[in-house]
Amino acid sequence: MTAIRHTPGPAAAEAFTFGIAITTLTTLAGIGVLVWTGMMTVIGAVAALLLGLPTLLVIVSCLLSVWLGYNRDAVDVALS
C-alpha cells in the first residue's frame, strides 16, 4: 500500500519565501544592532555576513522545506 503524498501549494511557496525573508531581515537587523552598540566591529559584521548568513539560510531553507512538505524520500528522487 502506497502512502498518499500531497504536493505543496502556493501557500507553502509563499510561506517559504516569507520565512527566508524574515530570517534575512532579522539577521541583518541583529548584526546592525550589534555594530551600532559597539559589541561587534564592522569587519566582524562583514565576516559574519559573508560566512554566517549563507550557512543560516541553508539551514533555515532545509527546515522550512521539511516543515512545509517539500521533502522527498530517496526513492522519490531516484524515480523522478
Protein backbone atom coordinates (compact mmCIF):
# COMPACT_ATOMS: atom_id res chain seq x y z
CA MET A 1 0.00 0.00 0.00
CA THR A 2 1.44 3.32 -1.01
CA ALA A 3 1.08 6.45 1.03
CA ILE A 4 -0.81 9.37 -0.44
CA ARG A 5 1.51 12.31 -0.93
CA HIS A 6 0.24 15.83 -1.30
CA THR A 7 2.31 18.36 -3.15
CA PRO A 8 2.78 21.75 -1.51
CA GLY A 9 0.65 24.51 -2.97
CA PRO A 10 1.09 28.24 -3.50
CA ALA A 11 0.57 28.96 0.20
CA ALA A 12 3.59 26.78 1.04
CA ALA A 13 5.69 28.59 -1.54
CA GLU A 14 4.66 31.94 -0.09
CA ALA A 15 5.39 30.75 3.46
CA PHE A 16 8.83 29.53 2.35
CA THR A 17 9.65 32.88 0.75
CA PHE A 18 8.33 34.74 3.79
CA GLY A 19 10.43 32.59 6.15
CA ILE A 20 13.61 33.19 4.18
CA ALA A 21 12.91 36.94 4.02
CA ILE A 22 12.21 37.20 7.75
CA THR A 23 15.37 35.24 8.55
CA THR A 24 17.46 37.53 6.37
CA LEU A 25 15.93 40.72 7.75
CA THR A 26 16.26 39.70 11.40
CA THR A 27 19.86 38.61 10.86
CA LEU A 28 20.74 41.91 9.18
CA ALA A 29 18.94 43.88 11.90
CA GLY A 30 20.65 41.89 14.65
CA ILE A 31 24.10 42.41 13.19
CA GLY A 32 23.28 46.08 12.63
CA VAL A 33 22.31 46.49 16.28
CA LEU A 34 25.49 44.74 17.40
CA VAL A 35 27.61 47.07 15.26
CA TRP A 36 25.65 50.14 16.40
CA THR A 37 26.07 49.29 20.09
CA GLY A 38 29.77 48.58 19.60
CA MET A 39 29.61 44.92 20.52
CA MET A 40 30.83 43.93 17.03
CA THR A 41 33.27 45.62 14.70
CA VAL A 42 32.43 46.39 11.10
CA ILE A 43 34.97 43.84 9.90
CA GLY A 44 33.44 41.24 12.20
CA ALA A 45 30.00 42.09 10.83
CA VAL A 46 31.18 41.68 7.24
CA ALA A 47 32.77 38.35 8.12
CA ALA A 48 29.57 37.22 9.87
CA LEU A 49 27.53 38.21 6.84
CA LEU A 50 29.83 36.51 4.36
CA LEU A 51 30.29 33.30 6.35
CA GLY A 52 27.29 33.06 8.64
CA LEU A 53 24.37 34.31 6.60
CA PRO A 54 24.65 31.77 3.76
CA THR A 55 25.00 28.95 6.28
CA LEU A 56 21.98 30.20 8.22
CA LEU A 57 19.91 30.47 5.04
CA VAL A 58 20.75 26.90 4.03
CA ILE A 59 19.77 25.60 7.48
CA VAL A 60 16.53 27.61 7.52
CA SER A 61 15.63 26.56 3.97
CA CYS A 62 16.15 22.89 4.90
CA LEU A 63 13.96 23.25 7.99
CA LEU A 64 11.26 25.12 6.10
CA SER A 65 11.24 22.63 3.25
CA VAL A 66 10.69 19.72 5.62
CA TRP A 67 8.08 21.62 7.63
CA LEU A 68 6.14 22.73 4.53
CA GLY A 69 6.21 19.33 2.84
CA TYR A 70 8.84 19.85 0.17
CA ASN A 71 10.96 16.96 1.45
CA ARG A 72 11.20 13.89 -0.73
CA ASP A 73 12.36 10.38 0.00
CA ALA A 74 15.39 8.89 -1.69
CA VAL A 75 13.02 6.60 -3.59
CA ASP A 76 11.07 9.59 -4.93
CA VAL A 77 14.26 11.28 -6.07
CA ALA A 78 15.57 8.11 -7.73
CA LEU A 79 12.32 7.53 -9.62
CA SER A 80 11.91 11.09 -10.88
